[in-house]
């Protein structure tokens, strides 16, 4: 089964400054180490409308959020 391509531009860039894509959660730069993020960081990223944390890859959306 084919996956649809993520609309985030990080997948096609030569220089990516984050480890994970904020839209789909896939690794876009393997040379950056994953981090353990505090809850405050995840809250800030949710307010920024990210579906995934760019530092640790954890899903940020709540079940039933409508997204």
Protein backbone atom coordinates (compact mmCIF):
# COMPACT_ATOMS: atom_id res chain seq x y z
CA UNK A 1 0.00 0.00 0.00
CA UNK A 2 1.37 3.42 -0.96
CA UNK A 3 1.51 6.21 1.59
CA UNK A 4 0.58 9.69 0.51
CA UNK A 5 3.49 12.09 0.58
CA UNK A 6 3.67 14.37 3.61
CA UNK A 7 3.16 18.03 2.63
CA UNK A 8 5.95 19.20 4.97
CA UNK A 9 9.00 20.52 3.08
CA UNK A 10 11.50 18.95 5.51
CA UNK A 11 11.33 15.67 3.55
CA UNK A 12 12.84 17.26 0.44
CA UNK A 13 15.36 19.69 1.91
CA UNK A 14 19.10 19.14 1.76
CA UNK A 15 19.65 20.69 5.21
CA UNK A 16 17.06 19.83 7.87
CA UNK A 17 17.47 21.21 11.40
CA UNK A 18 15.01 18.87 13.17
CA UNK A 19 15.04 15.08 13.67
CA UNK A 20 11.32 14.39 13.19
CA UNK A 21 8.71 15.83 10.82
CA UNK A 22 6.07 17.84 12.74
CA UNK A 23 3.31 16.64 10.38
CA UNK A 24 3.86 12.88 10.06
CA UNK A 25 6.44 12.02 12.76
CA UNK A 26 8.89 10.32 10.40
CA UNK A 27 12.64 10.80 10.88
CA UNK A 28 13.90 13.46 8.44
CA UNK A 29 17.44 13.88 9.83
CA UNK A 30 19.04 10.79 11.37
CA UNK A 31 22.19 12.65 12.43
CA UNK A 32 20.29 14.63 15.10
CA UNK A 33 19.82 12.65 18.33
CA UNK A 34 16.32 12.24 19.75
CA UNK A 35 15.67 14.14 22.99
CA UNK A 36 13.50 13.57 26.05
CA UNK A 37 11.13 16.52 26.11
CA UNK A 38 9.37 18.04 29.14
CA UNK A 39 5.58 18.35 29.03
CA UNK A 40 5.88 22.13 28.70
CA UNK A 41 7.70 21.72 25.38
CA UNK A 42 4.97 19.42 24.07
CA UNK A 43 2.29 21.88 25.17
CA UNK A 44 4.05 24.69 23.30
CA UNK A 45 4.34 22.57 20.16
CA UNK A 46 0.63 21.63 20.37
CA UNK A 47 -0.24 25.33 20.51
CA UNK A 48 1.94 25.74 17.41
CA UNK A 49 -0.35 23.16 15.71
CA UNK A 50 2.31 20.44 15.38
CA UNK A 51 0.99 16.87 15.25
CA UNK A 52 4.37 15.43 16.37
CA UNK A 53 7.29 16.69 18.44
CA UNK A 54 10.26 17.54 16.19
CA UNK A 55 12.71 16.60 18.98
CA UNK A 56 11.41 13.23 20.23
CA UNK A 57 8.79 12.20 17.63
CA UNK A 58 5.97 11.69 20.13
CA UNK A 59 2.43 12.25 18.84
CA UNK A 60 0.98 15.42 20.34
CA UNK A 61 -2.67 15.19 19.37
CA UNK A 62 -5.27 14.07 21.87
CA UNK A 63 -7.70 11.33 20.85
CA UNK A 64 -10.95 12.83 19.63
CA UNK A 65 -9.43 16.25 18.96
CA UNK A 66 -10.95 16.42 15.51
CA UNK A 67 -7.66 16.73 13.60
